[in-house]
Amino acid sequence: MENTYQNANLTKQIMQEVKKAIIGKDRVVEKVMIAILAGGHVLVDDIPGVGKTTLATAFSKAMNLKQKRVQFTPDVMPSDITGFSMYNKVKNIFEYREGSVMCNLFLADEINRTSSKTQSALLEAMEEGKVTVDGVTRELPRPFTVIATQNPVGSIGTQMLPESQLDRFMFCVSMGYPTVLEEIIMLKGKEEGAPLEKVQPVVSIVQVEQMKQEVQQVFIHDEVYEYIVKLVHATRASENISLGISPRGSVSITRAARAASYLKGKDYVSPQEVQEVFADACAHRILLSSKARANRKKEMDVIHHIMQKVTIGKRR
């Protein structure tokens, strides 16, 4: 991969531009960058007003991506997402009208406020990379990434996403409140103008696709594959977990580890990159057992315990 290090430097420039609008959330920015490079999607589970929409918009500007946003409510229909056919009286034919998903970066705001049918329409597009309307299948633009947000369960009008739908997201992240210093910097920045106006494009869509192709070429040794599988199987055997990581989850971990290595300018994956992405790629995919819930354990606690127990093969 002759351009690996050059393009890895471009990813750093992209993240620097995003950080002009997102203060103090470097790890979240890195996770979203990893997901885009790995062809994955991100679920942001957090309270309103912490910058979820700003995060998506900043990435779309820095990467020259066509962005669309839908505020999900109970009356949003699947056709709003996938598109629909409309009759043209002049031409005497039905013509396709694009849905909001026909873009490079789709922001699904408060996805857990809409109906399960609309959720399924979006999640099918995420998985297949295409939509089918009236028997005609249309490819989505490339690259295509979904950043979906949801308010924490318990908020008025929300409903939990089922496990089969959560499994479609590479990462589930939380931005959280800023620190005192970060919030002061944010307030000062607002007085100087809209932070998003400072974000400048760094790459073209063609370059983004080139980076994604290079990520797929990052080498993984058999010992690292074995380490990933051992971690995944440990979640299936744990007494604290009633539903372990699916094979789709294994694929996501592998792709994310490749992208994490690529961000560092490396052309191979080590166990360290697997450890860096494992928790964020897995916590939303597991169901805790009644015993774990009775002991008030959290998903992240169980995942980190598994990572401590599973041995690593010979490091590269």
C-alpha atoms as a PDB file:
ATOM      1  CA  MET A   1       0.000   0.000   0.000  1.00  0.00           C
ATOM      2  CA  GLU A   2       2.131   2.845  -1.280  1.00  0.00           C
ATOM      3  CA  ASN A   3      -0.197   5.631  -0.117  1.00  0.00           C
ATOM      4  CA  THR A   4      -1.013   4.239   3.324  1.00  0.00           C
ATOM      5  CA  TYR A   5       0.931   6.779   5.342  1.00  0.00           C
ATOM      6  CA  GLN A   6      -0.040   9.694   3.122  1.00  0.00           C
ATOM      7  CA  ASN A   7      -3.739   8.921   3.469  1.00  0.00           C
ATOM      8  CA  ALA A   8      -3.379   8.188   7.163  1.00  0.00           C
ATOM      9  CA  ASN A   9      -2.118  11.749   7.495  1.00  0.00           C
ATOM     10  CA  LEU A  10      -5.229  12.914   5.656  1.00  0.00           C
ATOM     11  CA  THR A  11      -7.392  11.213   8.263  1.00  0.00           C
ATOM     12  CA  LYS A  12      -5.596  13.185  10.953  1.00  0.00           C
ATOM     13  CA  GLN A  13      -6.320  16.397   9.057  1.00  0.00           C
ATOM     14  CA  ILE A  14      -9.987  15.422   8.803  1.00  0.00           C
ATOM     15  CA  MET A  15     -10.207  14.849  12.543  1.00  0.00           C
ATOM     16  CA  GLN A  16      -8.446  18.152  13.240  1.00  0.00           C
ATOM     17  CA  GLU A  17     -11.091  19.959  11.194  1.00  0.00           C
ATOM     18  CA  VAL A  18     -13.911  18.159  13.030  1.00  0.00           C
ATOM     19  CA  LYS A  19     -12.373  19.092  16.372  1.00  0.00           C
ATOM     20  CA  LYS A  20     -12.816  22.762  15.492  1.00  0.00           C
ATOM     21  CA  ALA A  21     -16.535  22.196  16.064  1.00  0.00           C
ATOM     22  CA  ILE A  22     -16.397  19.340  18.598  1.00  0.00           C
ATOM     23  CA  ILE A  23     -14.467  20.328  21.712  1.00  0.00           C
ATOM     24  CA  GLY A  24     -12.949  17.748  24.046  1.00  0.00           C
ATOM     25  CA  LYS A  25     -14.427  14.626  22.441  1.00  0.00           C
ATOM     26  CA  ASP A  26     -11.327  13.352  20.659  1.00  0.00           C
ATOM     27  CA  ARG A  27     -12.065   9.679  21.301  1.00  0.00           C
ATOM     28  CA  VAL A  28     -15.611   9.980  19.910  1.00  0.00           C
ATOM     29  CA  VAL A  29     -14.269  11.747  16.810  1.00  0.00           C
ATOM     30  CA  GLU A  30     -11.750   8.936  16.330  1.00  0.00           C
ATOM     31  CA  LYS A  31     -14.451   6.257  16.643  1.00  0.00           C
ATOM     32  CA  VAL A  32     -16.590   7.923  13.972  1.00  0.00           C
ATOM     33  CA  MET A  33     -13.528   8.206  11.709  1.00  0.00           C
ATOM     34  CA  ILE A  34     -12.835   4.499  12.210  1.00  0.00           C
ATOM     35  CA  ALA A  35     -16.443   3.598  11.373  1.00  0.00           C
ATOM     36  CA  ILE A  36     -16.438   5.641   8.157  1.00  0.00           C
ATOM     37  CA  LEU A  37     -13.148   4.087   7.008  1.00  0.00           C
ATOM     38  CA  ALA A  38     -14.402   0.594   7.871  1.00  0.00           C
ATOM     39  CA  GLY A  39     -17.745   1.070   6.119  1.00  0.00           C
ATOM     40  CA  GLY A  40     -19.635   0.873   9.412  1.00  0.00           C
ATOM     41  CA  HIS A  41     -22.350   2.910  11.102  1.00  0.00           C
ATOM     42  CA  VAL A  42     -22.483   4.658  14.470  1.00  0.00           C
ATOM     43  CA  LEU A  43     -25.241   4.903  17.072  1.00  0.00           C
ATOM     44  CA  VAL A  44     -24.868   7.864  19.433  1.00  0.00           C
ATOM     45  CA  ASP A  45     -26.825   7.208  22.619  1.00  0.00           C
ATOM     46  CA  ASP A  46     -26.991  10.430  24.592  1.00  0.00           C
ATOM     47  CA  ILE A  47     -29.138  13.229  25.926  1.00  0.00           C
ATOM     48  CA  PRO A  48     -30.138  16.170  23.691  1.00  0.00           C
ATOM     49  CA  GLY A  49     -27.827  19.135  23.253  1.00  0.00           C
ATOM     50  CA  VAL A  50     -24.384  17.554  23.586  1.00  0.00           C
ATOM     51  CA  GLY A  51     -23.368  17.985  19.934  1.00  0.00           C
ATOM     52  CA  LYS A  52     -24.565  14.845  18.129  1.00  0.00           C
ATOM     53  CA  THR A  53     -25.851  16.753  15.086  1.00  0.00           C
ATOM     54  CA  THR A  54     -22.794  19.003  15.034  1.00  0.00           C
ATOM     55  CA  LEU A  55     -20.556  15.921  15.001  1.00  0.00           C
ATOM     56  CA  ALA A  56     -22.217  14.511  11.878  1.00  0.00           C
ATOM     57  CA  THR A  57     -22.276  17.855  10.081  1.00  0.00           C
ATOM     58  CA  ALA A  58     -18.609  18.513  10.837  1.00  0.00           C
ATOM     59  CA  PHE A  59     -17.590  15.170   9.314  1.00  0.00           C
ATOM     60  CA  SER A  60     -19.708  15.790   6.217  1.00  0.00           C
ATOM     61  CA  LYS A  61     -18.005  19.172   5.684  1.00  0.00           C
ATOM     62  CA  ALA A  62     -14.467  17.944   6.340  1.00  0.00           C
ATOM     63  CA  MET A  63     -14.896  14.961   3.985  1.00  0.00           C
ATOM     64  CA  ASN A  64     -16.968  16.664   1.259  1.00  0.00           C
ATOM     65  CA  LEU A  65     -19.837  14.257   1.874  1.00  0.00           C
ATOM     66  CA  LYS A  66     -23.408  14.890   0.807  1.00  0.00           C
ATOM     67  CA  GLN A  67     -25.377  14.898   4.041  1.00  0.00           C
ATOM     68  CA  LYS A  68     -29.073  14.550   4.766  1.00  0.00           C
ATOM     69  CA  ARG A  69     -30.863  14.624   8.085  1.00  0.00           C
ATOM     70  CA  VAL A  70     -34.217  13.251   9.186  1.00  0.00           C
ATOM     71  CA  GLN A  71     -35.773  14.050  12.538  1.00  0.00           C
ATOM     72  CA  PHE A  72     -37.498  10.776  13.325  1.00  0.00           C
ATOM     73  CA  THR A  73     -41.025  11.033  14.694  1.00  0.00           C
ATOM     74  CA  PRO A  74     -43.872   8.489  14.832  1.00  0.00           C
ATOM     75  CA  ASP A  75     -45.316   9.777  11.523  1.00  0.00           C
ATOM     76  CA  VAL A  76     -42.132   9.330   9.456  1.00  0.00           C
ATOM     77  CA  MET A  77     -42.842   6.672   6.829  1.00  0.00           C
ATOM     78  CA  PRO A  78     -40.486   4.103   5.271  1.00  0.00           C
ATOM     79  CA  SER A  79     -40.975   5.834   1.894  1.00  0.00           C
ATOM     80  CA  ASP A  80     -39.541   9.023   3.410  1.00  0.00           C
ATOM     81  CA  ILE A  81     -36.323   7.064   3.842  1.00  0.00           C
ATOM     82  CA  THR A  82     -36.172   4.838   0.769  1.00  0.00           C
ATOM     83  CA  GLY A  83     -38.053   7.022  -1.737  1.00  0.00           C
ATOM     84  CA  PHE A  84     -41.257   6.395  -3.667  1.00  0.00           C
ATOM     85  CA  SER A  85     -42.777   6.350  -7.167  1.00  0.00           C
ATOM     86  CA  MET A  86     -44.917   9.293  -8.294  1.00  0.00           C
ATOM     87  CA  TYR A  87     -47.126   9.349 -11.368  1.00  0.00           C
ATOM     88  CA  ASN A  88     -46.111  11.869 -14.050  1.00  0.00           C
ATOM     89  CA  LYS A  89     -49.234  12.849 -15.984  1.00  0.00           C
ATOM     90  CA  VAL A  90     -47.289  14.453 -18.815  1.00  0.00           C
ATOM     91  CA  LYS A  91     -45.066  11.426 -19.480  1.00  0.00           C
ATOM     92  CA  ASN A  92     -47.736   8.933 -18.416  1.00  0.00           C
ATOM     93  CA  ILE A  93     -45.199   7.008 -16.302  1.00  0.00           C
ATOM     94  CA  PHE A  94     -44.295   6.525 -12.664  1.00  0.00           C
ATOM     95  CA  GLU A  95     -41.063   8.272 -11.729  1.00  0.00           C
ATOM     96  CA  TYR A  96     -38.842   7.544  -8.763  1.00  0.00           C
ATOM     97  CA  ARG A  97     -38.437  10.279  -6.165  1.00  0.00           C
ATOM     98  CA  GLU A  98     -35.326   9.856  -4.057  1.00  0.00           C
ATOM     99  CA  GLY A  99     -35.649   9.240  -0.350  1.00  0.00           C
ATOM    100  CA  SER A 100     -33.491  10.952   2.229  1.00  0.00           C
ATOM    101  CA  VAL A 101     -31.154   7.949   2.420  1.00  0.00           C
ATOM    102  CA  MET A 102     -29.692   8.797  -1.006  1.00  0.00           C
ATOM    103  CA  CYS A 103     -26.623  10.580   0.355  1.00  0.00           C
ATOM    104  CA  ASN A 104     -23.126   9.872   1.697  1.00  0.00           C
ATOM    105  CA  LEU A 105     -23.729  10.640   5.371  1.00  0.00           C
ATOM    106  CA  PHE A 106     -27.226  10.164   6.740  1.00  0.00           C
ATOM    107  CA  LEU A 107     -28.077  11.603  10.146  1.00  0.00           C
ATOM    108  CA  ALA A 108     -30.986   9.709  11.682  1.00  0.00           C
ATOM    109  CA  ASP A 109     -31.955  11.911  14.599  1.00  0.00           C
ATOM    110  CA  GLU A 110     -33.720  10.222  17.524  1.00  0.00           C
ATOM    111  CA  ILE A 111     -34.178   6.935  15.712  1.00  0.00           C
ATOM    112  CA  ASN A 112     -35.915   5.384  18.710  1.00  0.00           C
ATOM    113  CA  ARG A 113     -38.876   7.779  18.392  1.00  0.00           C
ATOM    114  CA  THR A 114     -40.151   6.367  15.099  1.00  0.00           C
ATOM    115  CA  SER A 115     -42.052   3.199  14.208  1.00  0.00           C
ATOM    116  CA  SER A 116     -40.356  -0.190  13.948  1.00  0.00           C
ATOM    117  CA  LYS A 117     -41.307  -0.366  10.241  1.00  0.00           C
ATOM    118  CA  THR A 118     -39.448   2.886   9.493  1.00  0.00           C
ATOM    119  CA  GLN A 119     -36.480   1.762  11.579  1.00  0.00           C
ATOM    120  CA  SER A 120     -36.352  -1.471   9.603  1.00  0.00           C
ATOM    121  CA  ALA A 121     -36.387   0.388   6.279  1.00  0.00           C
ATOM    122  CA  LEU A 122     -33.326   2.383   7.304  1.00  0.00           C
ATOM    123  CA  LEU A 123     -31.489  -0.561   8.828  1.00  0.00           C
ATOM    124  CA  GLU A 124     -32.054  -2.665   5.712  1.00  0.00           C
ATOM    125  CA  ALA A 125     -30.502   0.104   3.620  1.00  0.00           C
ATOM    126  CA  MET A 126     -27.558   0.191   6.043  1.00  0.00           C
ATOM    127  CA  GLU A 127     -26.969  -3.537   5.696  1.00  0.00           C
ATOM    128  CA  GLU A 128     -27.569  -3.944   1.972  1.00  0.00           C
ATOM    129  CA  GLY A 129     -26.225  -0.620   0.684  1.00  0.00           C
ATOM    130  CA  LYS A 130     -29.263  -0.303  -1.568  1.00  0.00           C
ATOM    131  CA  VAL A 131     -33.017   0.264  -1.534  1.00  0.00           C
ATOM    132  CA  THR A 132     -35.809  -1.450  -3.430  1.00  0.00           C
ATOM    133  CA  VAL A 133     -38.899   0.538  -4.421  1.00  0.00           C
ATOM    134  CA  ASP A 134     -41.679  -1.016  -6.520  1.00  0.00           C
ATOM    135  CA  GLY A 135     -39.454  -3.953  -7.415  1.00  0.00           C
ATOM    136  CA  VAL A 136     -36.566  -1.799  -8.657  1.00  0.00           C
ATOM    137  CA  THR A 137     -33.306  -1.931  -6.680  1.00  0.00           C
ATOM    138  CA  ARG A 138     -31.125   1.171  -6.512  1.00  0.00           C
ATOM    139  CA  GLU A 139     -27.609   1.388  -5.137  1.00  0.00           C
ATOM    140  CA  LEU A 140     -26.884   3.946  -2.444  1.00  0.00           C
ATOM    141  CA  PRO A 141     -24.115   6.497  -3.078  1.00  0.00           C
ATOM    142  CA  ARG A 142     -20.621   5.545  -1.946  1.00  0.00           C
ATOM    143  CA  PRO A 143     -19.337   6.052   0.608  1.00  0.00           C
ATOM    144  CA  PHE A 144     -22.445   5.659   2.744  1.00  0.00           C
ATOM    145  CA  THR A 145     -22.469   6.023   6.525  1.00  0.00           C
ATOM    146  CA  VAL A 146     -25.311   6.395   9.001  1.00  0.00           C
ATOM    147  CA  ILE A 147     -24.893   8.300  12.235  1.00  0.00           C
ATOM    148  CA  ALA A 148     -28.036   7.592  14.218  1.00  0.00           C
ATOM    149  CA  THR A 149     -28.848   9.246  17.513  1.00  0.00           C
ATOM    150  CA  GLN A 150     -31.161   8.083  20.227  1.00  0.00           C
ATOM    151  CA  ASN A 151     -32.212   9.514  23.552  1.00  0.00           C
ATOM    152  CA  PRO A 152     -31.620   7.265  26.539  1.00  0.00           C
ATOM    153  CA  VAL A 153     -34.356   4.735  27.202  1.00  0.00           C
ATOM    154  CA  GLY A 154     -36.836   6.219  29.641  1.00  0.00           C
ATOM    155  CA  SER A 155     -37.175   9.512  27.779  1.00  0.00           C
ATOM    156  CA  ILE A 156     -40.758  10.317  26.852  1.00  0.00           C
ATOM    157  CA  GLY A 157     -41.854   8.782  23.540  1.00  0.00           C
ATOM    158  CA  THR A 158     -38.842   6.500  23.062  1.00  0.00           C
ATOM    159  CA  GLN A 159     -38.708   2.753  22.542  1.00  0.00           C
ATOM    160  CA  MET A 160     -35.717   0.436  22.658  1.00  0.00           C
ATOM    161  CA  LEU A 161     -34.204  -0.762  19.397  1.00  0.00           C
ATOM    162  CA  PRO A 162     -34.343  -4.575  19.203  1.00  0.00           C
ATOM    163  CA  GLU A 163     -31.083  -6.495  19.382  1.00  0.00           C
ATOM    164  CA  SER A 164     -31.247  -7.410  15.683  1.00  0.00           C
ATOM    165  CA  GLN A 165     -31.212  -3.719  14.784  1.00  0.00           C
ATOM    166  CA  LEU A 166     -28.560  -2.695  17.299  1.00  0.00           C
ATOM    167  CA  ASP A 167     -26.340  -5.358  15.723  1.00  0.00           C
ATOM    168  CA  ARG A 168     -26.229  -3.327  12.487  1.00  0.00           C
ATOM    169  CA  PHE A 169     -24.192  -0.566  14.137  1.00  0.00           C
ATOM    170  CA  MET A 170     -20.425  -0.917  14.311  1.00  0.00           C
ATOM    171  CA  PHE A 171     -20.139   1.318  17.390  1.00  0.00           C
ATOM    172  CA  CYS A 172     -22.467   2.658  20.029  1.00  0.00           C
ATOM    173  CA  VAL A 173     -20.932   5.738  21.660  1.00  0.00           C
ATOM    174  CA  SER A 174     -21.877   8.423  24.153  1.00  0.00           C
ATOM    175  CA  MET A 175     -20.548  11.972  23.968  1.00  0.00           C
ATOM    176  CA  GLY A 176     -21.370  13.017  27.523  1.00  0.00           C
ATOM    177  CA  TYR A 177     -21.192  16.442  29.113  1.00  0.00           C
ATOM    178  CA  PRO A 178     -18.113  18.618  28.534  1.00  0.00           C
ATOM    179  CA  THR A 179     -15.763  19.466  31.370  1.00  0.00           C
ATOM    180  CA  VAL A 180     -15.798  22.969  32.852  1.00  0.00           C
ATOM    181  CA  LEU A 181     -12.795  24.040  30.754  1.00  0.00           C
ATOM    182  CA  GLU A 182     -14.208  22.477  27.578  1.00  0.00           C
ATOM    183  CA  GLU A 183     -17.530  24.246  28.056  1.00  0.00           C
ATOM    184  CA  ILE A 184     -15.781  27.598  28.583  1.00  0.00           C
ATOM    185  CA  ILE A 185     -13.837  27.076  25.331  1.00  0.00           C
ATOM    186  CA  MET A 186     -17.087  26.136  23.582  1.00  0.00           C
ATOM    187  CA  LEU A 187     -18.887  29.273  24.812  1.00  0.00           C
ATOM    188  CA  LYS A 188     -16.010  31.504  23.714  1.00  0.00           C
ATOM    189  CA  GLY A 189     -16.007  29.830  20.312  1.00  0.00           C
ATOM    190  CA  LYS A 190     -19.736  30.476  19.903  1.00  0.00           C
ATOM    191  CA  GLU A 191     -19.163  34.182  20.487  1.00  0.00           C
ATOM    192  CA  GLU A 192     -16.606  34.243  17.669  1.00  0.00           C
ATOM    193  CA  GLY A 193     -19.078  32.729  15.193  1.00  0.00           C
ATOM    194  CA  ALA A 194     -20.610  29.377  14.305  1.00  0.00           C
ATOM    195  CA  PRO A 195     -17.944  26.674  14.927  1.00  0.00           C
ATOM    196  CA  LEU A 196     -19.104  24.685  11.888  1.00  0.00           C
ATOM    197  CA  GLU A 197     -18.158  27.591   9.631  1.00  0.00           C
ATOM    198  CA  LYS A 198     -14.524  27.025  10.612  1.00  0.00           C
ATOM    199  CA  VAL A 199     -14.551  23.431   9.318  1.00  0.00           C
ATOM    200  CA  GLN A 200     -12.905  23.184   5.895  1.00  0.00           C
ATOM    201  CA  PRO A 201     -12.991  20.275   3.404  1.00  0.00           C
ATOM    202  CA  VAL A 202      -9.852  18.141   3.421  1.00  0.00           C
ATOM    203  CA  VAL A 203     -10.524  15.297   0.976  1.00  0.00           C
ATOM    204  CA  SER A 204     -12.724  14.421  -1.972  1.00  0.00           C
ATOM    205  CA  ILE A 205     -15.181  11.537  -2.141  1.00  0.00           C
ATOM    206  CA  VAL A 206     -12.747   9.743  -4.482  1.00  0.00           C
ATOM    207  CA  GLN A 207     -10.023   9.979  -1.829  1.00  0.00           C
ATOM    208  CA  VAL A 208     -12.410   8.669   0.828  1.00  0.00           C
ATOM    209  CA  GLU A 209     -13.114   5.617  -1.310  1.00  0.00           C
ATOM    210  CA  GLN A 210      -9.383   5.117  -1.854  1.00  0.00           C
ATOM    211  CA  MET A 211      -8.779   5.184   1.892  1.00  0.00           C
ATOM    212  CA  LYS A 212     -11.541   2.636   2.471  1.00  0.00           C
ATOM    213  CA  GLN A 213      -9.980   0.324  -0.114  1.00  0.00           C
ATOM    214  CA  GLU A 214      -6.584   0.635   1.553  1.00  0.00           C
ATOM    215  CA  VAL A 215      -8.096  -0.189   4.940  1.00  0.00           C
ATOM    216  CA  GLN A 216      -9.349  -3.483   3.522  1.00  0.00           C
ATOM    217  CA  GLN A 217      -5.768  -4.378   2.595  1.00  0.00           C
ATOM    218  CA  VAL A 218      -4.401  -3.993   6.144  1.00  0.00           C
ATOM    219  CA  PHE A 219      -2.879  -7.351   7.078  1.00  0.00           C
ATOM    220  CA  ILE A 220      -4.224  -9.507   9.904  1.00  0.00           C
ATOM    221  CA  HIS A 221      -2.162 -12.441  11.150  1.00  0.00           C
ATOM    222  CA  ASP A 222      -3.877 -15.728  11.984  1.00  0.00           C
ATOM    223  CA  GLU A 223      -2.981 -15.248  15.652  1.00  0.00           C
ATOM    224  CA  VAL A 224      -4.905 -11.965  15.698  1.00  0.00           C
ATOM    225  CA  TYR A 225      -7.891 -13.602  13.999  1.00  0.00           C
ATOM    226  CA  GLU A 226      -7.738 -16.274  16.700  1.00  0.00           C
ATOM    227  CA  TYR A 227      -7.614 -13.617  19.419  1.00  0.00           C
ATOM    228  CA  ILE A 228     -10.751 -11.911  18.024  1.00  0.00           C
ATOM    229  CA  VAL A 229     -12.626 -15.219  17.871  1.00  0.00           C
ATOM    230  CA  LYS A 230     -11.565 -16.169  21.406  1.00  0.00           C
ATOM    231  CA  LEU A 231     -12.895 -12.848  22.719  1.00  0.00           C
ATOM    232  CA  VAL A 232     -16.179 -13.297  20.859  1.00  0.00           C
ATOM    233  CA  HIS A 233     -16.635 -16.888  22.056  1.00  0.00           C
ATOM    234  CA  ALA A 234     -15.936 -15.749  25.617  1.00  0.00           C
ATOM    235  CA  THR A 235     -18.998 -13.490  25.437  1.00  0.00           C
ATOM    236  CA  ARG A 236     -21.100 -16.472  24.366  1.00  0.00           C
ATOM    237  CA  ALA A 237     -19.838 -18.620  27.244  1.00  0.00           C
ATOM    238  CA  SER A 238     -19.970 -15.987  30.000  1.00  0.00           C
ATOM    239  CA  GLU A 239     -22.436 -16.546  32.846  1.00  0.00           C
ATOM    240  CA  ASN A 240     -22.985 -12.800  32.906  1.00  0.00           C
ATOM    241  CA  ILE A 241     -24.229 -12.690  29.294  1.00  0.00           C
ATOM    242  CA  SER A 242     -27.421 -14.285  27.997  1.00  0.00           C
ATOM    243  CA  LEU A 243     -26.865 -13.188  24.379  1.00  0.00           C
ATOM    244  CA  GLY A 244     -23.287 -13.067  23.124  1.00  0.00           C
ATOM    245  CA  ILE A 245     -21.639 -11.485  20.107  1.00  0.00           C
ATOM    246  CA  SER A 246     -22.971 -12.599  16.714  1.00  0.00           C
ATOM    247  CA  PRO A 247     -20.800 -13.470  13.683  1.00  0.00           C
ATOM    248  CA  ARG A 248     -21.788 -10.045  12.298  1.00  0.00           C
ATOM    249  CA  GLY A 249     -20.200  -8.592  15.412  1.00  0.00           C
ATOM    250  CA  SER A 250     -16.994 -10.534  14.724  1.00  0.00           C
ATOM    251  CA  VAL A 251     -16.861  -9.015  11.247  1.00  0.00           C
ATOM    252  CA  SER A 252     -17.376  -5.504  12.664  1.00  0.00           C
ATOM    253  CA  ILE A 253     -14.588  -5.962  15.209  1.00  0.00           C
ATOM    254  CA  THR A 254     -12.208  -7.116  12.475  1.00  0.00           C
ATOM    255  CA  ARG A 255     -13.052  -4.227  10.152  1.00  0.00           C
ATOM    256  CA  ALA A 256     -12.806  -1.698  12.978  1.00  0.00           C
ATOM    257  CA  ALA A 257      -9.409  -3.061  14.079  1.00  0.00           C
ATOM    258  CA  ARG A 258      -8.135  -2.688  10.497  1.00  0.00           C
ATOM    259  CA  ALA A 259      -9.301   0.940  10.397  1.00  0.00           C
ATOM    260  CA  ALA A 260      -7.793   1.662  13.830  1.00  0.00           C
ATOM    261  CA  SER A 261      -4.436   0.352  12.605  1.00  0.00           C
ATOM    262  CA  TYR A 262      -4.741   2.414   9.439  1.00  0.00           C
ATOM    263  CA  LEU A 263      -5.269   5.600  11.472  1.00  0.00           C
ATOM    264  CA  LYS A 264      -1.892   4.940  13.056  1.00  0.00           C
ATOM    265  CA  GLY A 265      -0.251   4.529   9.652  1.00  0.00           C
ATOM    266  CA  LYS A 266       0.243   0.783  10.186  1.00  0.00           C
ATOM    267  CA  ASP A 267      -0.267  -1.860   7.504  1.00  0.00           C
ATOM    268  CA  TYR A 268      -0.971  -4.680   9.965  1.00  0.00           C
ATOM    269  CA  VAL A 269      -3.291  -5.255  12.936  1.00  0.00           C
ATOM    270  CA  SER A 270      -1.913  -6.047  16.379  1.00  0.00           C
ATOM    271  CA  PRO A 271      -3.899  -7.203  19.456  1.00  0.00           C
ATOM    272  CA  GLN A 272      -3.675  -3.639  20.753  1.00  0.00           C
ATOM    273  CA  GLU A 273      -5.999  -2.349  18.012  1.00  0.00           C
ATOM    274  CA  VAL A 274      -8.445  -5.180  18.724  1.00  0.00           C
ATOM    275  CA  GLN A 275      -8.502  -4.153  22.379  1.00  0.00           C
ATOM    276  CA  GLU A 276      -9.038  -0.512  21.456  1.00  0.00           C
ATOM    277  CA  VAL A 277     -12.208  -1.192  19.453  1.00  0.00           C
ATOM    278  CA  PHE A 278     -13.597  -4.293  21.145  1.00  0.00           C
ATOM    279  CA  ALA A 279     -15.599  -2.706  23.958  1.00  0.00           C
ATOM    280  CA  ASP A 280     -17.246  -0.032  21.805  1.00  0.00           C
ATOM    281  CA  ALA A 281     -18.055  -2.594  19.112  1.00  0.00           C
ATOM    282  CA  CYS A 282     -19.549  -5.094  21.566  1.00  0.00           C
ATOM    283  CA  ALA A 283     -21.275  -3.470  24.545  1.00  0.00           C
ATOM    284  CA  HIS A 284     -24.468  -2.730  22.574  1.00  0.00           C
ATOM    285  CA  ARG A 285     -24.543  -6.235  21.069  1.00  0.00           C
ATOM    286  CA  ILE A 286     -24.795  -8.246  24.288  1.00  0.00           C
ATOM    287  CA  LEU A 287     -27.655  -8.916  26.704  1.00  0.00           C
ATOM    288  CA  LEU A 288     -26.731  -9.262  30.352  1.00  0.00           C
ATOM    289  CA  SER A 289     -27.997 -12.277  32.251  1.00  0.00           C
ATOM    290  CA  SER A 290     -30.437 -11.889  35.130  1.00  0.00           C
ATOM    291  CA  LYS A 291     -27.576 -12.752  37.495  1.00  0.00           C
ATOM    292  CA  ALA A 292     -25.443  -9.884  36.148  1.00  0.00           C
ATOM    293  CA  ARG A 293     -28.337  -7.443  36.348  1.00  0.00           C
ATOM    294  CA  ALA A 294     -29.092  -8.550  39.911  1.00  0.00           C
ATOM    295  CA  ASN A 295     -25.459  -7.796  40.771  1.00  0.00           C
ATOM    296  CA  ARG A 296     -25.843  -4.394  39.078  1.00  0.00           C
ATOM    297  CA  LYS A 297     -23.150  -5.064  36.524  1.00  0.00           C
ATOM    298  CA  LYS A 298     -22.883  -2.950  33.386  1.00  0.00           C
ATOM    299  CA  GLU A 299     -22.158  -4.122  29.845  1.00  0.00           C
ATOM    300  CA  MET A 300     -18.807  -2.350  29.748  1.00  0.00           C
ATOM    301  CA  ASP A 301     -17.754  -3.929  33.053  1.00  0.00           C
ATOM    302  CA  VAL A 302     -18.491  -7.419  31.737  1.00  0.00           C
ATOM    303  CA  ILE A 303     -16.713  -6.744  28.425  1.00  0.00           C
ATOM    304  CA  HIS A 304     -13.585  -5.409  30.145  1.00  0.00           C
ATOM    305  CA  HIS A 305     -13.539  -8.435  32.473  1.00  0.00           C
ATOM    306  CA  ILE A 306     -13.591 -10.740  29.440  1.00  0.00           C
ATOM    307  CA  MET A 307     -10.735  -8.805  27.836  1.00  0.00           C
ATOM    308  CA  GLN A 308      -8.671  -9.281  30.988  1.00  0.00           C
ATOM    309  CA  LYS A 309      -9.324 -13.027  31.073  1.00  0.00           C
ATOM    310  CA  VAL A 310      -8.735 -13.916  27.414  1.00  0.00           C
ATOM    311  CA  THR A 311      -5.070 -14.551  26.694  1.00  0.00           C
ATOM    312  CA  ILE A 312      -3.279 -12.976  23.754  1.00  0.00           C
ATOM    313  CA  GLY A 313      -1.135 -15.009  21.424  1.00  0.00           C
ATOM    314  CA  LYS A 314       2.387 -14.058  20.431  1.00  0.00           C
ATOM    315  CA  ARG A 315       2.438 -10.356  19.607  1.00  0.00           C
ATOM    316  CA  ARG A 316       3.556  -9.169  16.217  1.00  0.00           C
END
